Amino acid sequence: THSTNVRFLSWEPAPSLKLAVHEPTMAIEKRSKPFHDQVDTSKTDSSPILCEMSGLSNEVMASILQNCTDDGNSDVVSIDLYRKMGSQNAKKLSIVAAPSLLKYAAEGLLPLDLLRWYKLAQPEKSFGLCETNYPSRPVEKWTAVKSIAKRGKTTTELVKYEREFDAKESSDFYQKLMNRPSAFEASIDKSSGRLIIRMNPVVAGHQAAAHLVRGRGLSEEFVRSIDVSYSLSELSRMGEPKTKEFHVPNSDAFEETTVDGMELPLYSRQAKALTRMRDIEAGKVDFNEEERSEHTLNGIGWGPF
């Protein structure tokens, strides 16, 4: 048989020993002014402060800025979250700041409400037409390329068209894409030990509106009539967009159009569909068109669109 030896310890109370719980050194600074009141659509580079975290130690700041460019002459150092070292910096930011910032947002302490839409005023350069936020693509050119195809004794000349772009224009376009503003900016103020998060919803507004207004020959008045809004959300709470039940429209409610000179008359459903198509061409059928541009604060999981 197996045996087990047990030794019972006799604990003696020690009231002199106390458990010390240290207060967290890092804290979120509450903003007094609503975020939306600080957004200035007249300035492309207007990025109001969304939130600040103070109390960062020198060791924590050094860890976050390990892969960032710091010339030592500036107290405020930007954190690259989207380019070469973006993934590594985002991982460190998620460890140091994400838990506190997400908890802060969940408690409703941010200077704006999550999932609420805020309308932006039209800037002097209408939304969608700003080359800084949404540079124009190079002009495409189509070149005819001829070739000879032989099949047996038959020779056929084939012509196919290839799309080409100017190399210089393409290079300039790429540089503009790389240098366009980001919807989020993160930086460290070494002098005060603070992490600063900024958000520029104007960037998302320009990029979304560009798909609606460019290349359509719209008047300036119509372009300025477009409504542009932004909303801040956590990726885990975004889910599927709220949409109404979708119905496929038909032409049953339209009158029949008579077409003269046809050998065979149109069926009733064809004549009604023709009436509807003519109304669409005449601008009598209205519909709403919506475009979204989503941006993510890497390492935290926030996104305006």
Protein backbone atom coordinates (compact mmCIF):
# COMPACT_ATOMS: atom_id res chain seq x y z
CA THR A 1 0.00 0.00 0.00
CA HIS A 2 0.98 3.63 -0.58
CA SER A 3 1.28 6.09 2.24
CA THR A 4 1.24 9.90 2.34
CA ASN A 5 2.96 11.97 4.97
CA VAL A 6 1.35 15.29 5.84
CA ARG A 7 2.85 18.04 7.93
CA PHE A 8 0.46 20.73 9.13
CA LEU A 9 1.93 24.18 9.62
CA SER A 10 0.86 26.34 12.47
CA TRP A 11 0.53 29.94 11.33
CA GLU A 12 1.04 32.67 13.82
CA PRO A 13 -0.65 36.07 13.30
CA ALA A 14 1.74 38.91 12.50
CA PRO A 15 -0.24 42.19 12.68
CA SER A 16 2.92 44.19 12.04
CA LEU A 17 3.05 42.94 8.45
CA LYS A 18 0.87 44.94 6.05
CA LEU A 19 0.22 44.51 2.36
CA ALA A 20 1.21 47.62 0.46
CA VAL A 21 -0.57 48.34 -2.85
CA HIS A 22 1.14 51.05 -4.80
CA GLU A 23 -0.91 53.57 -6.73
CA PRO A 24 -0.37 53.36 -10.50
CA THR A 25 2.17 55.89 -11.71
CA MET A 26 0.59 56.26 -15.16
CA ALA A 27 -2.74 58.08 -15.37
CA ILE A 28 -5.02 59.42 -18.10
CA GLU A 29 -5.44 63.20 -18.07
CA LYS A 30 -9.05 64.23 -18.55
CA ARG A 31 -9.68 66.81 -21.27
CA SER A 32 -11.87 69.76 -20.29
CA LYS A 33 -12.92 70.81 -23.79
CA PRO A 34 -15.00 68.55 -26.08
CA PHE A 35 -12.92 67.10 -28.89
CA HIS A 36 -15.33 68.08 -31.66
CA ASP A 37 -15.07 71.76 -30.68
CA GLN A 38 -11.33 71.63 -31.39
CA VAL A 39 -11.61 70.21 -34.92
CA ASP A 40 -10.71 72.86 -37.50
CA THR A 41 -11.59 71.77 -41.03
CA SER A 42 -9.87 74.83 -42.52
CA LYS A 43 -6.47 73.35 -41.58
CA THR A 44 -5.33 70.12 -43.21
CA ASP A 45 -2.85 69.37 -40.41
CA SER A 46 -5.23 70.14 -37.55
CA SER A 47 -4.92 67.18 -35.16
CA PRO A 48 -6.47 67.97 -31.76
CA ILE A 49 -5.39 65.96 -28.73
CA LEU A 50 -7.74 63.04 -28.12
CA CYS A 51 -6.16 61.90 -24.84
CA GLU A 52 -2.93 62.05 -22.81
CA MET A 53 -1.30 59.58 -20.45
CA SER A 54 1.09 61.02 -17.87
CA GLY A 55 3.53 59.41 -15.44
CA LEU A 56 5.66 57.49 -17.95
CA SER A 57 9.03 56.53 -16.48
CA ASN A 58 12.28 57.00 -18.37
CA GLU A 59 12.53 53.24 -18.86
CA VAL A 60 9.03 53.03 -20.36
CA MET A 61 9.66 55.97 -22.69
CA ALA A 62 12.98 54.51 -23.79
CA SER A 63 11.29 51.19 -24.56
CA ILE A 64 8.52 52.79 -26.64
CA LEU A 65 10.96 55.04 -28.52
CA GLN A 66 13.52 52.30 -29.14
CA ASN A 67 12.63 52.09 -32.85
CA CYS A 68 11.74 55.75 -33.35
CA THR A 69 13.87 58.49 -34.86
CA ASP A 70 15.04 60.75 -32.04
CA ASP A 71 17.68 63.37 -32.83
CA GLY A 72 17.81 64.40 -29.19
CA ASN A 73 17.00 68.05 -29.94
CA SER A 74 13.26 67.83 -29.44
CA ASP A 75 11.30 66.92 -26.33
CA VAL A 76 8.36 65.58 -28.38
CA VAL A 77 9.14 62.47 -30.44
CA SER A 78 6.65 60.97 -32.90
CA ILE A 79 5.91 57.24 -32.78
CA ASP A 80 5.86 55.53 -36.14
CA LEU A 81 2.77 53.29 -36.20
CA TYR A 82 2.20 52.87 -39.95
CA ARG A 83 5.52 52.60 -41.76
CA LYS A 84 8.74 50.59 -41.47
CA MET A 85 8.74 50.04 -37.69
CA GLY A 86 4.98 50.40 -37.27
CA SER A 87 4.19 46.85 -36.20
CA GLN A 88 6.92 46.73 -33.53
CA ASN A 89 5.98 50.13 -32.11
CA ALA A 90 2.28 49.22 -32.12
CA LYS A 91 3.02 46.06 -30.13
CA LYS A 92 4.85 48.04 -27.43
CA LEU A 93 2.08 50.63 -27.34
CA SER A 94 -0.50 47.88 -26.89
CA ILE A 95 1.36 46.56 -23.84
CA VAL A 96 2.04 49.90 -22.16
CA ALA A 97 -1.00 52.03 -22.98
CA ALA A 98 -3.83 50.00 -24.52
CA PRO A 99 -5.34 48.54 -21.29
CA SER A 100 -5.59 51.94 -19.57
CA LEU A 101 -6.84 53.77 -22.67
CA LEU A 102 -9.50 51.17 -23.49
CA LYS A 103 -10.70 51.17 -19.87
CA TYR A 104 -10.78 54.97 -19.92
CA ALA A 105 -12.87 54.96 -23.10
CA ALA A 106 -15.24 52.27 -21.78
CA GLU A 107 -15.98 54.46 -18.76
CA GLY A 108 -17.07 57.28 -21.10
CA LEU A 109 -14.24 59.62 -20.10
CA LEU A 110 -12.99 60.48 -23.60
CA PRO A 111 -13.81 64.01 -24.81
CA LEU A 112 -16.26 62.53 -27.35
CA ASP A 113 -18.81 59.72 -27.38
CA LEU A 114 -17.92 56.40 -28.97
CA LEU A 115 -20.08 55.37 -31.96
CA ARG A 116 -21.64 58.85 -32.20
CA TRP A 117 -21.53 60.64 -35.54
CA TYR A 118 -20.21 64.22 -35.56
CA LYS A 119 -20.80 66.39 -38.63
CA LEU A 120 -17.86 68.28 -40.13
CA ALA A 121 -18.16 71.73 -41.67
CA GLN A 122 -17.07 72.06 -45.30
CA PRO A 123 -13.52 73.50 -45.55
CA GLU A 124 -12.52 76.17 -48.06
CA LYS A 125 -11.23 73.39 -50.33
CA SER A 126 -14.27 71.13 -50.49
CA PHE A 127 -14.09 67.64 -49.04
CA GLY A 128 -12.71 65.22 -51.59
CA LEU A 129 -10.75 67.77 -53.61
CA CYS A 130 -7.71 68.14 -51.33
CA GLU A 131 -4.57 66.88 -53.08
CA THR A 132 -2.67 66.66 -49.79
CA ASN A 133 -5.04 64.12 -48.25
CA TYR A 134 -6.00 62.35 -51.47
CA PRO A 135 -3.51 62.89 -54.32
CA SER A 136 -4.75 62.37 -57.88
CA ARG A 137 -3.65 59.24 -59.70
CA PRO A 138 -1.37 59.61 -62.74
CA VAL A 139 -3.11 59.90 -66.11
CA GLU A 140 -3.36 56.50 -67.76
CA LYS A 141 -2.42 56.07 -71.42
CA TRP A 142 -3.41 53.23 -73.72
CA THR A 143 -0.91 52.03 -76.31
CA ALA A 144 -1.75 49.77 -79.25
CA VAL A 145 0.55 46.74 -79.52
CA LYS A 146 0.41 44.81 -82.79
CA SER A 147 1.35 41.17 -83.21
CA ILE A 148 1.08 38.49 -85.90
CA ALA A 149 -0.73 35.23 -85.21
CA LYS A 150 -0.32 32.27 -87.57
CA ARG A 151 -2.74 29.38 -87.72
CA GLY A 152 -1.89 26.97 -90.48
CA LYS A 153 -1.57 28.96 -93.70
CA THR A 154 -3.61 31.85 -92.31
CA THR A 155 -1.84 34.91 -90.93
CA THR A 156 -3.80 37.33 -88.74
CA GLU A 157 -2.72 40.69 -87.36
CA LEU A 158 -3.81 41.14 -83.74
CA VAL A 159 -4.01 44.44 -81.90
CA LYS A 160 -4.18 44.63 -78.12
CA TYR A 161 -4.06 47.70 -75.92
CA GLU A 162 -1.83 48.04 -72.87
CA ARG A 163 -2.28 50.60 -70.11
CA GLU A 164 0.76 52.69 -69.26
CA PHE A 165 1.62 55.37 -66.71
CA ASP A 166 4.35 57.97 -66.84
CA ALA A 167 7.24 56.83 -64.61
CA LYS A 168 7.87 60.32 -63.17
CA GLU A 169 4.19 60.92 -62.42
CA SER A 170 3.90 57.49 -60.81
CA SER A 171 6.94 58.15 -58.60
CA ASP A 172 5.54 61.54 -57.52
CA PHE A 173 2.16 59.93 -56.80
CA TYR A 174 3.78 57.28 -54.59
CA GLN A 175 5.69 59.92 -52.60
CA LYS A 176 2.49 61.91 -52.06
CA LEU A 177 0.73 58.79 -50.83
CA MET A 178 3.53 58.08 -48.36
CA ASN A 179 3.55 61.68 -47.10
CA ARG A 180 -0.18 62.28 -46.74
CA PRO A 181 -1.41 62.95 -43.18
CA SER A 182 -2.54 60.15 -40.89
CA ALA A 183 -5.86 60.12 -39.09
CA PHE A 184 -4.04 59.24 -35.84
CA GLU A 185 -0.76 60.46 -34.40
CA ALA A 186 1.05 59.21 -31.31
CA SER A 187 4.01 60.91 -29.66
CA ILE A 188 6.02 61.00 -26.43
CA ASP A 189 6.80 64.22 -24.54
CA LYS A 190 10.05 63.27 -22.81
CA SER A 191 10.20 66.42 -20.68
CA SER A 192 6.89 65.68 -18.92
CA GLY A 193 6.71 61.89 -19.34
CA ARG A 194 3.47 61.93 -21.33
CA LEU A 195 2.02 59.85 -24.15
CA ILE A 196 -0.06 62.04 -26.49
CA ILE A 197 -2.71 60.66 -28.87
CA ARG A 198 -4.04 63.00 -31.58
CA MET A 199 -6.83 62.41 -34.10
CA ASN A 200 -7.55 64.22 -37.36
CA PRO A 201 -11.02 63.27 -38.68
CA VAL A 202 -10.59 65.67 -41.61
CA VAL A 203 -8.22 63.12 -43.18
CA ALA A 204 -10.92 60.43 -43.22
CA GLY A 205 -13.47 62.95 -44.51
CA HIS A 206 -11.36 63.94 -47.51
CA GLN A 207 -10.50 60.35 -48.44
CA ALA A 208 -14.12 59.19 -48.25
CA ALA A 209 -15.53 62.17 -50.17
CA ALA A 210 -12.94 61.83 -52.96
CA HIS A 211 -14.64 58.64 -54.19
CA LEU A 212 -17.95 60.50 -54.46
CA VAL A 213 -16.94 63.76 -56.13
CA ARG A 214 -13.95 63.14 -58.39
CA GLY A 215 -14.25 62.37 -62.08
CA ARG A 216 -17.99 62.98 -62.24
CA GLY A 217 -18.13 66.53 -63.57
CA LEU A 218 -20.06 67.75 -60.54
CA SER A 219 -20.60 71.46 -59.91
CA GLU A 220 -18.90 73.18 -56.99
CA GLU A 221 -22.30 73.82 -55.41
CA PHE A 222 -23.19 70.14 -55.52
CA VAL A 223 -19.79 69.09 -54.15
CA ARG A 224 -20.20 71.40 -51.17
CA SER A 225 -23.65 69.97 -50.45
CA ILE A 226 -22.18 66.58 -49.44
CA ASP A 227 -22.56 65.75 -45.74
CA VAL A 228 -19.35 64.54 -44.06
CA SER A 229 -19.35 63.04 -40.56
CA TYR A 230 -16.95 61.01 -38.42
CA SER A 231 -17.28 58.53 -35.58
CA LEU A 232 -14.78 56.97 -33.18
CA SER A 233 -15.16 53.29 -32.37
CA GLU A 234 -13.31 50.35 -30.91
CA LEU A 235 -12.71 47.63 -33.46
CA SER A 236 -14.26 45.05 -31.13
CA ARG A 237 -17.49 47.07 -30.99
CA MET A 238 -17.87 48.03 -34.64
CA GLY A 239 -19.59 44.88 -35.88
CA GLU A 240 -21.68 45.04 -39.02
CA PRO A 241 -23.01 48.43 -40.17
CA LYS A 242 -26.65 49.14 -39.39
CA THR A 243 -28.62 48.96 -42.61
CA LYS A 244 -32.30 48.95 -43.47
CA GLU A 245 -33.97 45.97 -45.09
CA PHE A 246 -33.00 45.94 -48.75
CA HIS A 247 -35.71 45.72 -51.41
CA VAL A 248 -35.01 45.26 -55.10
CA PRO A 249 -37.01 47.98 -56.91
CA ASN A 250 -39.22 47.15 -59.87
CA SER A 251 -41.26 49.07 -62.42
CA ASP A 252 -44.76 47.92 -61.49
CA ALA A 253 -45.86 51.37 -60.30
CA PHE A 254 -44.89 53.13 -63.56
CA GLU A 255 -47.06 53.89 -66.56
CA GLU A 256 -46.41 52.17 -69.87
CA THR A 257 -44.47 54.02 -72.56
CA THR A 258 -45.57 53.57 -76.17
CA VAL A 259 -42.81 53.34 -78.78
CA ASP A 260 -43.80 54.06 -82.37
CA GLY A 261 -42.25 52.32 -85.37
CA MET A 262 -41.66 48.93 -83.77
CA GLU A 263 -42.68 45.79 -85.65
CA LEU A 264 -43.74 44.14 -82.40
CA PRO A 265 -45.06 46.14 -79.43
CA LEU A 266 -43.33 45.99 -76.06
CA TYR A 267 -44.66 43.72 -73.39
CA SER A 268 -46.36 45.52 -70.52
CA ARG A 269 -43.43 44.98 -68.13
CA GLN A 270 -40.99 46.20 -70.81
CA ALA A 271 -43.00 49.36 -71.42
CA LYS A 272 -43.08 50.12 -67.69
CA ALA A 273 -39.34 49.46 -67.34
CA LEU A 274 -38.72 51.86 -70.23
CA THR A 275 -40.68 54.57 -68.41
CA ARG A 276 -38.61 54.03 -65.30
CA MET A 277 -35.32 54.16 -67.23
CA ARG A 278 -36.34 57.44 -68.85
CA ASP A 279 -37.19 58.89 -65.43
CA ILE A 280 -33.75 57.87 -64.15
CA GLU A 281 -32.06 59.56 -67.10
CA ALA A 282 -34.14 62.68 -66.48
CA GLY A 283 -33.01 62.82 -62.83
CA LYS A 284 -36.45 62.12 -61.41
CA VAL A 285 -35.33 59.10 -59.35
CA ASP A 286 -33.41 60.02 -56.17
CA PHE A 287 -31.11 57.77 -54.12
CA ASN A 288 -28.44 58.20 -51.47
CA GLU A 289 -24.82 57.24 -52.06
CA GLU A 290 -22.49 56.69 -49.11
CA GLU A 291 -18.73 56.17 -48.89
CA ARG A 292 -16.64 55.34 -45.81
CA SER A 293 -12.93 55.59 -45.11
CA GLU A 294 -11.76 53.55 -42.13
CA HIS A 295 -8.53 54.23 -40.21
CA THR A 296 -7.09 52.36 -37.23
CA LEU A 297 -4.91 53.50 -34.35
CA ASN A 298 -2.51 50.56 -34.38
CA GLY A 299 -1.72 49.19 -30.94
CA ILE A 300 -4.90 50.58 -29.36
CA GLY A 301 -7.68 49.46 -31.68
CA TRP A 302 -9.55 52.73 -32.16
CA GLY A 303 -10.77 53.80 -35.55
CA PRO A 304 -12.57 56.85 -36.99
CA PHE A 305 -14.53 56.67 -40.17
